[in-house]
Amino acid sequence: MTENKINDSKARVIAVATGLFLRSGLRAVRMDDVAHECGISKRTLYELFEDRESLILACLEEVCRVQGKEHKELLRGAENVLHAFWLIFSQKKESCAVDSTIVDELRRYYPKAFEHLIINVHEDMVLKTKEHLLKGVEDGLIMESLEIDFFSRAMTNYIYGLGLIQINTSTTGVVLNERTIASAVAIFLRGISTERGRRYIDEKILKTL
């Protein structure tokens, strides 16, 4: 196969496998299932991906690529960093959700993919949050006295925790709707904002909920 043909075949397998993994979990989906759904032989599948973990890692990267693209689209319409945070964190994205079951399976059975998730994806999220917070301080919307490194992680983990509650309603019994999550995000932002930032949140965000 030519390089373009190989890349096209890989992209199709990743798209199909990602859907299967998100619906059924990592351990429940066999390589035979992926090959069957793609209409290719298992041998061809292993020619494209050397092992199961390589395929899972490729799928994880695709999920994060799609999520990053969605975030960029959202940010185009952001008025400032507070609005950007609210747009990114208050909206549900089921198509890109990596729930706690999958994260646990990664940790237990696929260490390379898990390491990628924690080191690359999570740390990238923390870094982007830090950049937004620093811009907020510069614009007079985020408190200058804020310990940026700590709150970059605190905010990332807070929002991730809300997402887990939302995704795992059947397990936790707690139902969070779009309004509840948006309110929680706005309240967190209000706590780290300057007076000017709080006025913006109260007048432009909270009043729209």
N, C-alpha and C. Protein backbone atom coordinates (compact mmCIF):
# COMPACT_ATOMS: atom_id res chain seq x y z
N MET A 1 0.84 -1.20 0.00
CA MET A 1 0.00 0.00 0.00
C MET A 1 0.87 1.25 0.00
N THR A 2 0.39 2.29 -0.67
CA THR A 2 1.08 3.57 -0.64
C THR A 2 0.91 4.20 0.74
N GLU A 3 1.73 5.22 1.02
CA GLU A 3 1.66 5.87 2.33
C GLU A 3 0.29 6.51 2.57
N ASN A 4 -0.26 7.13 1.51
CA ASN A 4 -1.60 7.74 1.65
C ASN A 4 -2.66 6.69 1.94
N LYS A 5 -2.54 5.54 1.27
CA LYS A 5 -3.50 4.45 1.48
C LYS A 5 -3.39 3.93 2.90
N ILE A 6 -2.16 3.79 3.39
CA ILE A 6 -1.95 3.33 4.77
C ILE A 6 -2.55 4.31 5.76
N ASN A 7 -2.30 5.60 5.54
CA ASN A 7 -2.84 6.62 6.44
C ASN A 7 -4.36 6.63 6.43
N ASP A 8 -4.95 6.46 5.26
CA ASP A 8 -6.41 6.41 5.16
C ASP A 8 -6.96 5.20 5.90
N SER A 9 -6.29 4.07 5.74
CA SER A 9 -6.73 2.84 6.41
C SER A 9 -6.61 2.98 7.93
N LYS A 10 -5.52 3.58 8.38
CA LYS A 10 -5.33 3.80 9.81
C LYS A 10 -6.42 4.72 10.37
N ALA A 11 -6.72 5.78 9.64
CA ALA A 11 -7.73 6.73 10.09
C ALA A 11 -9.09 6.05 10.22
N ARG A 12 -9.42 5.17 9.28
CA ARG A 12 -10.71 4.47 9.35
C ARG A 12 -10.74 3.53 10.55
N VAL A 13 -9.66 2.79 10.76
CA VAL A 13 -9.60 1.87 11.89
C VAL A 13 -9.71 2.64 13.20
N ILE A 14 -9.00 3.75 13.32
CA ILE A 14 -9.04 4.56 14.54
C ILE A 14 -10.46 5.05 14.80
N ALA A 15 -11.13 5.52 13.76
CA ALA A 15 -12.50 6.03 13.92
C ALA A 15 -13.44 4.92 14.40
N VAL A 16 -13.34 3.77 13.80
CA VAL A 16 -14.20 2.63 14.16
C VAL A 16 -13.87 2.15 15.57
N ALA A 17 -12.59 1.95 15.85
CA ALA A 17 -12.16 1.43 17.16
C ALA A 17 -12.51 2.41 18.28
N THR A 18 -12.36 3.70 18.03
CA THR A 18 -12.69 4.71 19.05
C THR A 18 -14.16 4.60 19.44
N GLY A 19 -15.03 4.47 18.45
CA GLY A 19 -16.44 4.31 18.74
C GLY A 19 -16.73 3.08 19.55
N LEU A 20 -16.08 1.96 19.21
CA LEU A 20 -16.27 0.70 19.94
C LEU A 20 -15.77 0.82 21.38
N PHE A 21 -14.59 1.40 21.55
CA PHE A 21 -14.02 1.52 22.90
C PHE A 21 -14.87 2.42 23.79
N LEU A 22 -15.35 3.54 23.25
CA LEU A 22 -16.15 4.46 24.05
C LEU A 22 -17.50 3.85 24.42
N ARG A 23 -18.05 3.03 23.54
CA ARG A 23 -19.35 2.40 23.83
C ARG A 23 -19.24 1.22 24.78
N SER A 24 -18.19 0.41 24.59
CA SER A 24 -18.14 -0.87 25.32
C SER A 24 -17.01 -0.99 26.33
N GLY A 25 -16.06 -0.06 26.32
CA GLY A 25 -14.90 -0.19 27.20
C GLY A 25 -13.75 -0.86 26.48
N LEU A 26 -12.56 -0.71 27.00
CA LEU A 26 -11.36 -1.23 26.32
C LEU A 26 -11.26 -2.75 26.34
N ARG A 27 -11.47 -3.35 27.50
CA ARG A 27 -11.28 -4.80 27.65
C ARG A 27 -12.33 -5.60 26.90
N ALA A 28 -13.51 -5.03 26.74
CA ALA A 28 -14.61 -5.77 26.10
C ALA A 28 -14.45 -5.86 24.59
N VAL A 29 -13.67 -4.96 24.01
CA VAL A 29 -13.52 -4.93 22.55
C VAL A 29 -12.25 -5.68 22.15
N ARG A 30 -12.42 -6.72 21.33
CA ARG A 30 -11.27 -7.51 20.87
C ARG A 30 -10.76 -6.96 19.55
N MET A 31 -9.53 -7.30 19.22
CA MET A 31 -8.98 -6.90 17.93
C MET A 31 -9.80 -7.53 16.81
N ASP A 32 -10.34 -8.73 17.04
CA ASP A 32 -11.22 -9.37 16.05
C ASP A 32 -12.45 -8.51 15.79
N ASP A 33 -12.99 -7.90 16.86
CA ASP A 33 -14.17 -7.04 16.72
C ASP A 33 -13.85 -5.82 15.85
N VAL A 34 -12.69 -5.24 16.09
CA VAL A 34 -12.28 -4.07 15.32
C VAL A 34 -12.10 -4.44 13.85
N ALA A 35 -11.40 -5.53 13.61
CA ALA A 35 -11.16 -5.98 12.23
C ALA A 35 -12.48 -6.25 11.51
N HIS A 36 -13.40 -6.94 12.21
CA HIS A 36 -14.71 -7.26 11.62
C HIS A 36 -15.49 -6.00 11.28
N GLU A 37 -15.53 -5.05 12.20
CA GLU A 37 -16.26 -3.81 11.97
C GLU A 37 -15.66 -2.98 10.83
N CYS A 38 -14.35 -3.11 10.65
CA CYS A 38 -13.66 -2.36 9.59
C CYS A 38 -13.69 -3.09 8.25
N GLY A 39 -14.09 -4.37 8.28
CA GLY A 39 -14.12 -5.15 7.06
C GLY A 39 -12.75 -5.53 6.54
N ILE A 40 -11.81 -5.72 7.48
CA ILE A 40 -10.46 -6.13 7.10
C ILE A 40 -10.07 -7.38 7.89
N SER A 41 -8.98 -8.01 7.49
CA SER A 41 -8.51 -9.19 8.22
C SER A 41 -7.76 -8.75 9.46
N LYS A 42 -7.66 -9.68 10.40
CA LYS A 42 -6.91 -9.39 11.62
C LYS A 42 -5.43 -9.17 11.28
N ARG A 43 -4.94 -9.88 10.29
CA ARG A 43 -3.55 -9.72 9.87
C ARG A 43 -3.31 -8.29 9.37
N THR A 44 -4.24 -7.78 8.56
CA THR A 44 -4.12 -6.41 8.06
C THR A 44 -4.14 -5.41 9.20
N LEU A 45 -5.00 -5.67 10.19
CA LEU A 45 -5.09 -4.79 11.35
C LEU A 45 -3.74 -4.71 12.07
N TYR A 46 -3.09 -5.87 12.23
CA TYR A 46 -1.80 -5.88 12.93
C TYR A 46 -0.67 -5.32 12.06
N GLU A 47 -0.89 -5.25 10.76
CA GLU A 47 0.09 -4.58 9.90
C GLU A 47 0.00 -3.05 10.08
N LEU A 48 -1.20 -2.59 10.42
CA LEU A 48 -1.41 -1.15 10.64
C LEU A 48 -1.02 -0.72 12.04
N PHE A 49 -1.30 -1.58 13.02
CA PHE A 49 -0.99 -1.30 14.43
C PHE A 49 -0.31 -2.52 15.02
N GLU A 50 0.90 -2.33 15.54
CA GLU A 50 1.71 -3.47 15.96
C GLU A 50 1.09 -4.27 17.10
N ASP A 51 0.31 -3.61 17.96
CA ASP A 51 -0.34 -4.32 19.04
C ASP A 51 -1.57 -3.55 19.50
N ARG A 52 -2.29 -4.13 20.43
CA ARG A 52 -3.54 -3.56 20.92
C ARG A 52 -3.32 -2.18 21.57
N GLU A 53 -2.24 -2.08 22.35
CA GLU A 53 -1.98 -0.83 23.05
C GLU A 53 -1.66 0.30 22.08
N SER A 54 -1.00 -0.01 20.98
CA SER A 54 -0.72 1.01 19.97
C SER A 54 -2.01 1.55 19.37
N LEU A 55 -2.97 0.67 19.15
CA LEU A 55 -4.27 1.10 18.62
C LEU A 55 -5.00 1.95 19.65
N ILE A 56 -4.98 1.52 20.90
CA ILE A 56 -5.66 2.30 21.96
C ILE A 56 -5.03 3.68 22.08
N LEU A 57 -3.72 3.75 22.01
CA LEU A 57 -3.02 5.03 22.10
C LEU A 57 -3.41 5.95 20.94
N ALA A 58 -3.50 5.37 19.74
CA ALA A 58 -3.90 6.15 18.56
C ALA A 58 -5.33 6.67 18.71
N CYS A 59 -6.20 5.85 19.28
CA CYS A 59 -7.60 6.26 19.50
C CYS A 59 -7.67 7.38 20.54
N LEU A 60 -6.87 7.26 21.58
CA LEU A 60 -6.84 8.29 22.63
C LEU A 60 -6.37 9.62 22.05
N GLU A 61 -5.36 9.56 21.21
CA GLU A 61 -4.85 10.78 20.57
C GLU A 61 -5.91 11.41 19.68
N GLU A 62 -6.71 10.57 19.00
CA GLU A 62 -7.76 11.09 18.14
C GLU A 62 -8.86 11.75 18.95
N VAL A 63 -9.24 11.13 20.06
CA VAL A 63 -10.24 11.73 20.94
C VAL A 63 -9.79 13.12 21.39
N CYS A 64 -8.54 13.22 21.80
CA CYS A 64 -8.02 14.50 22.29
C CYS A 64 -7.85 15.51 21.16
N ARG A 65 -7.53 15.03 19.95
CA ARG A 65 -7.42 15.92 18.80
C ARG A 65 -8.78 16.55 18.49
N VAL A 66 -9.82 15.73 18.51
CA VAL A 66 -11.17 16.23 18.24
C VAL A 66 -11.59 17.22 19.32
N GLN A 67 -11.30 16.88 20.57
CA GLN A 67 -11.65 17.78 21.67
C GLN A 67 -10.91 19.11 21.54
N GLY A 68 -9.63 19.05 21.19
CA GLY A 68 -8.86 20.27 21.00
C GLY A 68 -9.41 21.13 19.88
N LYS A 69 -9.86 20.49 18.81
CA LYS A 69 -10.46 21.22 17.69
C LYS A 69 -11.75 21.90 18.12
N GLU A 70 -12.56 21.19 18.91
CA GLU A 70 -13.81 21.77 19.41
C GLU A 70 -13.53 22.97 20.31
N HIS A 71 -12.51 22.85 21.15
CA HIS A 71 -12.15 23.96 22.04
C HIS A 71 -11.73 25.18 21.24
N LYS A 72 -10.95 24.99 20.19
CA LYS A 72 -10.50 26.11 19.37
C LYS A 72 -11.68 26.81 18.71
N GLU A 73 -12.64 26.02 18.25
CA GLU A 73 -13.84 26.59 17.64
C GLU A 73 -14.61 27.43 18.66
N LEU A 74 -14.72 26.91 19.88
CA LEU A 74 -15.42 27.64 20.94
C LEU A 74 -14.72 28.96 21.26
N LEU A 75 -13.39 28.91 21.33
CA LEU A 75 -12.63 30.08 21.75
C LEU A 75 -12.65 31.22 20.75
N ARG A 76 -12.99 30.92 19.51
CA ARG A 76 -13.06 31.98 18.51
C ARG A 76 -14.10 33.04 18.87
N GLY A 77 -15.12 32.61 19.60
CA GLY A 77 -16.17 33.56 19.96
C GLY A 77 -16.06 34.09 21.38
N ALA A 78 -14.94 33.80 22.05
CA ALA A 78 -14.79 34.22 23.46
C ALA A 78 -14.47 35.71 23.56
N GLU A 79 -15.14 36.40 24.48
CA GLU A 79 -14.91 37.83 24.70
C GLU A 79 -13.66 38.08 25.52
N ASN A 80 -13.34 37.17 26.44
CA ASN A 80 -12.15 37.29 27.29
C ASN A 80 -11.88 35.91 27.90
N VAL A 81 -10.89 35.81 28.78
CA VAL A 81 -10.52 34.50 29.31
C VAL A 81 -11.62 33.89 30.19
N LEU A 82 -12.36 34.72 30.91
CA LEU A 82 -13.45 34.18 31.73
C LEU A 82 -14.53 33.56 30.85
N HIS A 83 -14.84 34.24 29.77
CA HIS A 83 -15.81 33.70 28.82
C HIS A 83 -15.26 32.43 28.17
N ALA A 84 -13.95 32.42 27.88
CA ALA A 84 -13.32 31.24 27.28
C ALA A 84 -13.41 30.04 28.21
N PHE A 85 -13.08 30.23 29.50
CA PHE A 85 -13.18 29.16 30.48
C PHE A 85 -14.61 28.61 30.52
N TRP A 86 -15.56 29.51 30.56
CA TRP A 86 -16.95 29.10 30.67
C TRP A 86 -17.39 28.31 29.44
N LEU A 87 -16.99 28.78 28.24
CA LEU A 87 -17.35 28.08 27.02
C LEU A 87 -16.75 26.67 26.98
N ILE A 88 -15.49 26.55 27.39
CA ILE A 88 -14.81 25.26 27.34
C ILE A 88 -15.35 24.28 28.37
N PHE A 89 -15.47 24.73 29.62
CA PHE A 89 -15.74 23.81 30.72
C PHE A 89 -17.22 23.59 31.05
N SER A 90 -18.09 24.48 30.60
CA SER A 90 -19.48 24.35 31.00
C SER A 90 -20.32 23.55 30.03
N GLN A 91 -19.75 23.17 28.89
CA GLN A 91 -20.53 22.49 27.88
C GLN A 91 -20.19 21.02 27.80
N LYS A 92 -21.22 20.20 27.68
CA LYS A 92 -21.06 18.75 27.65
C LYS A 92 -20.56 18.31 26.29
N LYS A 93 -19.57 17.39 26.28
CA LYS A 93 -19.03 16.88 25.04
C LYS A 93 -18.96 15.36 25.12
N GLU A 94 -20.08 14.71 24.97
CA GLU A 94 -20.13 13.26 25.10
C GLU A 94 -19.23 12.57 24.07
N SER A 95 -19.10 13.17 22.89
CA SER A 95 -18.32 12.53 21.84
C SER A 95 -16.85 12.42 22.18
N CYS A 96 -16.38 13.27 23.11
CA CYS A 96 -14.96 13.26 23.48
C CYS A 96 -14.73 12.82 24.91
N ALA A 97 -15.76 12.33 25.54
CA ALA A 97 -15.64 11.97 26.96
C ALA A 97 -14.85 10.68 27.14
N VAL A 98 -13.85 10.72 28.01
CA VAL A 98 -13.13 9.52 28.41
C VAL A 98 -13.53 9.25 29.85
N ASP A 99 -14.46 8.30 30.08
CA ASP A 99 -15.04 8.16 31.42
C ASP A 99 -14.11 7.42 32.38
N SER A 100 -14.51 7.36 33.63
CA SER A 100 -13.64 6.82 34.68
C SER A 100 -13.34 5.34 34.47
N THR A 101 -14.27 4.58 33.88
CA THR A 101 -14.03 3.16 33.64
C THR A 101 -12.89 2.97 32.66
N ILE A 102 -12.90 3.75 31.59
CA ILE A 102 -11.83 3.65 30.59
C ILE A 102 -10.50 4.11 31.18
N VAL A 103 -10.53 5.18 31.96
CA VAL A 103 -9.30 5.65 32.61
C VAL A 103 -8.73 4.57 33.52
N ASP A 104 -9.61 3.88 34.27
CA ASP A 104 -9.16 2.82 35.17
C ASP A 104 -8.59 1.64 34.38
N GLU A 105 -9.22 1.30 33.25
CA GLU A 105 -8.70 0.22 32.41
C GLU A 105 -7.34 0.59 31.84
N LEU A 106 -7.18 1.83 31.45
CA LEU A 106 -5.87 2.28 30.96
C LEU A 106 -4.81 2.11 32.04
N ARG A 107 -5.14 2.54 33.24
CA ARG A 107 -4.18 2.47 34.35
C ARG A 107 -3.77 1.03 34.65
N ARG A 108 -4.73 0.13 34.65
CA ARG A 108 -4.46 -1.26 35.06
C ARG A 108 -3.85 -2.12 33.97
N TYR A 109 -4.28 -1.91 32.71
CA TYR A 109 -3.89 -2.86 31.67
C TYR A 109 -3.05 -2.27 30.54
N TYR A 110 -3.06 -0.96 30.40
CA TYR A 110 -2.35 -0.34 29.27
C TYR A 110 -1.50 0.83 29.77
N PRO A 111 -0.42 0.54 30.45
CA PRO A 111 0.39 1.58 31.11
C PRO A 111 0.93 2.65 30.17
N LYS A 112 1.32 2.26 28.94
CA LYS A 112 1.85 3.26 28.01
C LYS A 112 0.79 4.28 27.63
N ALA A 113 -0.40 3.77 27.34
CA ALA A 113 -1.50 4.67 26.98
C ALA A 113 -1.91 5.53 28.18
N PHE A 114 -1.90 4.94 29.37
CA PHE A 114 -2.25 5.68 30.58
C PHE A 114 -1.23 6.78 30.84
N GLU A 115 0.04 6.45 30.68
CA GLU A 115 1.09 7.45 30.88
C GLU A 115 0.92 8.60 29.90
N HIS A 116 0.53 8.28 28.68
CA HIS A 116 0.29 9.32 27.68
C HIS A 116 -0.87 10.22 28.12
N LEU A 117 -1.93 9.59 28.63
CA LEU A 117 -3.10 10.36 29.07
C LEU A 117 -2.71 11.31 30.19
N ILE A 118 -2.00 10.81 31.19
CA ILE A 118 -1.65 11.62 32.36
C ILE A 118 -0.59 12.67 32.03
N ILE A 119 0.50 12.22 31.41
CA ILE A 119 1.63 13.13 31.19
C ILE A 119 1.34 14.13 30.07
N ASN A 120 0.85 13.63 28.94
CA ASN A 120 0.66 14.51 27.79
C ASN A 120 -0.67 15.25 27.82
N VAL A 121 -1.76 14.51 27.95
CA VAL A 121 -3.08 15.13 27.84
C VAL A 121 -3.39 15.99 29.06
N HIS A 122 -3.28 15.39 30.26
CA HIS A 122 -3.62 16.13 31.47
C HIS A 122 -2.69 17.32 31.66
N GLU A 123 -1.39 17.10 31.46
CA GLU A 123 -0.44 18.20 31.65
C GLU A 123 -0.64 19.30 30.61
N ASP A 124 -1.03 18.93 29.41
CA ASP A 124 -1.32 19.93 28.40
C ASP A 124 -2.52 20.77 28.81
N MET A 125 -3.52 20.10 29.40
CA MET A 125 -4.70 20.81 29.90
C MET A 125 -4.32 21.80 31.00
N VAL A 126 -3.47 21.35 31.92
CA VAL A 126 -3.03 22.22 33.01
C VAL A 126 -2.27 23.42 32.44
N LEU A 127 -1.42 23.18 31.46
CA LEU A 127 -0.62 24.26 30.85
C LEU A 127 -1.52 25.28 30.18
N LYS A 128 -2.52 24.81 29.44
CA LYS A 128 -3.44 25.74 28.76
C LYS A 128 -4.24 26.55 29.79
N THR A 129 -4.65 25.88 30.88
CA THR A 129 -5.37 26.59 31.94
C THR A 129 -4.48 27.67 32.55
N LYS A 130 -3.20 27.34 32.76
CA LYS A 130 -2.26 28.31 33.31
C LYS A 130 -2.10 29.51 32.39
N GLU A 131 -2.01 29.26 31.09
CA GLU A 131 -1.87 30.35 30.12
C GLU A 131 -3.09 31.28 30.17
N HIS A 132 -4.29 30.68 30.28
CA HIS A 132 -5.51 31.48 30.37
C HIS A 132 -5.55 32.29 31.66
N LEU A 133 -5.13 31.67 32.76
CA LEU A 133 -5.13 32.38 34.05
C LEU A 133 -4.17 33.57 34.01
N LEU A 134 -2.99 33.36 33.46
CA LEU A 134 -2.02 34.45 33.35
C LEU A 134 -2.56 35.59 32.48
N LYS A 135 -3.23 35.24 31.39
CA LYS A 135 -3.84 36.25 30.53
C LYS A 135 -4.94 36.99 31.30
N GLY A 136 -5.68 36.25 32.13
CA GLY A 136 -6.72 36.88 32.94
C GLY A 136 -6.15 37.86 33.95
N VAL A 137 -5.02 37.51 34.54
CA VAL A 137 -4.33 38.42 35.47
C VAL A 137 -3.89 39.68 34.72
N GLU A 138 -3.30 39.48 33.56
CA GLU A 138 -2.82 40.60 32.74
C GLU A 138 -3.97 41.54 32.35
N ASP A 139 -5.14 40.97 32.11
CA ASP A 139 -6.31 41.77 31.69
C ASP A 139 -7.11 42.33 32.87
N GLY A 140 -6.66 42.02 34.10
CA GLY A 140 -7.34 42.54 35.27
C GLY A 140 -8.63 41.82 35.62
N LEU A 141 -8.78 40.58 35.13
CA LEU A 141 -9.99 39.80 35.40
C LEU A 141 -9.77 38.71 36.45
N ILE A 142 -8.54 38.24 36.58
CA ILE A 142 -8.18 37.21 37.57
C ILE A 142 -7.29 37.86 38.63
N MET A 143 -7.50 37.47 39.89
CA MET A 143 -6.74 38.07 40.99
C MET A 143 -5.23 37.90 40.82
N GLU A 144 -4.51 38.98 40.98
CA GLU A 144 -3.06 38.96 40.82
C GLU A 144 -2.39 38.11 41.90
N SER A 145 -3.01 38.03 43.08
CA SER A 145 -2.42 37.29 44.20
C SER A 145 -2.61 35.77 44.07
N LEU A 146 -3.31 35.34 43.04
CA LEU A 146 -3.60 33.91 42.87
C LEU A 146 -2.32 33.11 42.67
N GLU A 147 -2.22 31.97 43.33
CA GLU A 147 -1.09 31.07 43.12
C GLU A 147 -1.37 30.27 41.84
N ILE A 148 -0.83 30.76 40.74
CA ILE A 148 -1.22 30.28 39.41
C ILE A 148 -0.96 28.78 39.22
N ASP A 149 0.20 28.30 39.63
CA ASP A 149 0.53 26.88 39.43
C ASP A 149 -0.48 25.98 40.14
N PHE A 150 -0.81 26.33 41.38
CA PHE A 150 -1.76 25.53 42.15
C PHE A 150 -3.14 25.57 41.51
N PHE A 151 -3.62 26.77 41.18
CA PHE A 151 -4.98 26.89 40.66
C PHE A 151 -5.12 26.36 39.24
N SER A 152 -4.02 26.30 38.50
CA SER A 152 -4.08 25.67 37.18
C SER A 152 -4.46 24.20 37.32
N ARG A 153 -3.87 23.54 38.32
CA ARG A 153 -4.18 22.13 38.57
C ARG A 153 -5.53 21.98 39.27
N ALA A 154 -5.79 22.87 40.23
CA ALA A 154 -7.04 22.78 40.98
C ALA A 154 -8.23 22.93 40.05
N MET A 155 -8.14 23.88 39.14
CA MET A 155 -9.26 24.12 38.22
C MET A 155 -9.43 22.95 37.26
N THR A 156 -8.33 22.46 36.72
CA THR A 156 -8.39 21.31 35.81
C THR A 156 -9.03 20.12 36.49
N ASN A 157 -8.62 19.83 37.72
CA ASN A 157 -9.15 18.67 38.44
C ASN A 157 -10.60 18.88 38.87
N TYR A 158 -10.95 20.11 39.20
CA TYR A 158 -12.33 20.43 39.58
C TYR A 158 -13.28 20.17 38.42
N ILE A 159 -12.91 20.66 37.25
CA ILE A 159 -13.76 20.49 36.07
C ILE A 159 -13.80 19.03 35.66
N TYR A 160 -12.65 18.34 35.75
CA TYR A 160 -12.61 16.92 35.41
C TYR A 160 -13.53 16.14 36.35
N GLY A 161 -13.54 16.51 37.62
CA GLY A 161 -14.42 15.84 38.59
C GLY A 161 -15.89 16.03 38.26
N LEU A 162 -16.26 17.26 37.83
CA LEU A 162 -17.64 17.50 37.42
C LEU A 162 -18.00 16.62 36.23
N GLY A 163 -17.04 16.50 35.32
CA GLY A 163 -17.29 15.66 34.14
C GLY A 163 -17.52 14.21 34.50
N LEU A 164 -16.76 13.69 35.46
CA LEU A 164 -16.93 12.30 35.88
C LEU A 164 -18.30 12.08 36.51
N ILE A 165 -18.76 13.03 37.31
CA ILE A 165 -20.09 12.92 37.90
C ILE A 165 -21.14 12.88 36.80
N GLN A 166 -20.98 13.73 35.82
CA GLN A 166 -21.95 13.82 34.74
C GLN A 166 -21.96 12.54 33.90
N ILE A 167 -20.78 12.01 33.61
CA ILE A 167 -20.67 10.82 32.77
C ILE A 167 -21.20 9.58 33.48
N ASN A 168 -20.97 9.50 34.81
CA ASN A 168 -21.28 8.28 35.55
C ASN A 168 -22.54 8.40 36.40
N THR A 169 -23.54 9.05 35.86
CA THR A 169 -24.81 9.23 36.57
C THR A 169 -25.42 7.90 36.98
N SER A 170 -25.31 6.90 36.11
CA SER A 170 -25.92 5.59 36.41
C SER A 170 -25.28 4.94 37.63
N THR A 171 -24.01 5.27 37.91
CA THR A 171 -23.31 4.72 39.06
C THR A 171 -23.50 5.56 40.30
N THR A 172 -23.37 6.88 40.14
CA THR A 172 -23.42 7.77 41.31
C THR A 172 -24.84 8.12 41.73
N GLY A 173 -25.77 8.05 40.79
CA GLY A 173 -27.14 8.45 41.10
C GLY A 173 -27.32 9.96 41.12
N VAL A 174 -26.26 10.70 40.82
CA VAL A 174 -26.32 12.17 40.81
C VAL A 174 -26.49 12.64 39.37
N VAL A 175 -27.50 13.45 39.15
CA VAL A 175 -27.77 13.96 37.81
C VAL A 175 -27.37 15.43 37.73
N LEU A 176 -26.45 15.73 36.85
CA LEU A 176 -26.04 17.11 36.62
C LEU A 176 -26.49 17.50 35.22
N ASN A 177 -27.33 18.52 35.15
CA ASN A 177 -27.72 18.99 33.82
C ASN A 177 -26.80 20.10 33.36
N GLU A 178 -27.02 20.58 32.15
CA GLU A 178 -26.15 21.61 31.59
C GLU A 178 -26.11 22.87 32.47
N ARG A 179 -27.25 23.25 33.01
CA ARG A 179 -27.33 24.45 33.85
C ARG A 179 -26.54 24.28 35.14
N THR A 180 -26.62 23.10 35.75
CA THR A 180 -25.91 22.84 37.00
C THR A 180 -24.41 22.95 36.80
N ILE A 181 -23.90 22.33 35.74
CA ILE A 181 -22.47 22.35 35.47
C ILE A 181 -22.00 23.76 35.13
N ALA A 182 -22.77 24.46 34.31
CA ALA A 182 -22.41 25.83 33.96
C ALA A 182 -22.36 26.71 35.21
N SER A 183 -23.30 26.53 36.11
CA SER A 183 -23.32 27.32 37.35
C SER A 183 -22.10 27.01 38.21
N ALA A 184 -21.75 25.72 38.31
CA ALA A 184 -20.59 25.31 39.12
C ALA A 184 -19.31 25.93 38.57
N VAL A 185 -19.20 25.94 37.25
CA VAL A 185 -18.01 26.54 36.62
C VAL A 185 -17.97 28.04 36.87
N ALA A 186 -19.11 28.71 36.70
CA ALA A 186 -19.17 30.16 36.90
C ALA A 186 -18.83 30.53 38.34
N ILE A 187 -19.31 29.74 39.29
CA ILE A 187 -19.04 30.02 40.72
C ILE A 187 -17.56 29.85 41.02
N PHE A 188 -16.93 28.81 40.45
CA PHE A 188 -15.49 28.62 40.63
C PHE A 188 -14.74 29.83 40.07
N LEU A 189 -15.10 30.23 38.85
CA LEU A 189 -14.43 31.38 38.23
C LEU A 189 -14.61 32.64 39.05
N ARG A 190 -15.81 32.81 39.61
CA ARG A 190 -16.09 34.01 40.41
C ARG A 190 -15.16 34.08 41.62
N GLY A 191 -14.83 32.92 42.19
CA GLY A 191 -13.99 32.88 43.38
C GLY A 191 -12.54 33.28 43.14
N ILE A 192 -12.08 33.22 41.88
CA ILE A 192 -10.69 33.57 41.58
C ILE A 192 -10.59 34.88 40.79
N SER A 193 -11.73 35.54 40.63
CA SER A 193 -11.76 36.75 39.80
C SER A 193 -11.62 38.02 40.62
N THR A 194 -11.18 39.07 39.96
CA THR A 194 -11.16 40.41 40.56
C THR A 194 -12.60 40.94 40.60
N GLU A 195 -12.77 42.11 41.19
CA GLU A 195 -14.10 42.72 41.22
C GLU A 195 -14.63 42.93 39.81
N ARG A 196 -13.75 43.37 38.94
CA ARG A 196 -14.15 43.57 37.54
C ARG A 196 -14.55 42.25 36.89
N GLY A 197 -13.79 41.21 37.18
CA GLY A 197 -14.11 39.89 36.64
C GLY A 197 -15.43 39.37 37.17
N ARG A 198 -15.68 39.58 38.47
CA ARG A 198 -16.95 39.12 39.05
C ARG A 198 -18.14 39.85 38.45
N ARG A 199 -17.95 41.14 38.17
CA ARG A 199 -19.04 41.89 37.52
C ARG A 199 -19.36 41.31 36.14
N TYR A 200 -18.30 40.95 35.43
CA TYR A 200 -18.50 40.36 34.10
C TYR A 200 -19.27 39.03 34.22
N ILE A 201 -18.85 38.19 35.17
CA ILE A 201 -19.51 36.90 35.36
C ILE A 201 -20.98 37.08 35.75
N ASP A 202 -21.22 38.00 36.68
CA ASP A 202 -22.59 38.23 37.15
C ASP A 202 -23.48 38.77 36.03
N GLU A 203 -22.95 39.69 35.23
CA GLU A 203 -23.77 40.37 34.24
C GLU A 203 -23.84 39.64 32.90
N LYS A 204 -22.76 38.94 32.54
CA LYS A 204 -22.72 38.33 31.20
C LYS A 204 -22.86 36.81 31.20
N ILE A 205 -22.60 36.17 32.35
CA ILE A 205 -22.66 34.71 32.39
C ILE A 205 -23.81 34.21 33.25
N LEU A 206 -23.81 34.59 34.53
CA LEU A 206 -24.83 34.06 35.43
C LEU A 206 -26.24 34.45 35.01
N LYS A 207 -26.40 35.63 34.45
CA LYS A 207 -27.74 36.08 34.06
C LYS A 207 -28.27 35.32 32.84
N THR A 208 -27.37 34.63 32.14
CA THR A 208 -27.81 33.87 30.96
C THR A 208 -28.22 32.44 31.30
N LEU A 209 -27.98 32.00 32.56
CA LEU A 209 -28.26 30.61 32.92
C LEU A 209 -29.75 30.40 33.17
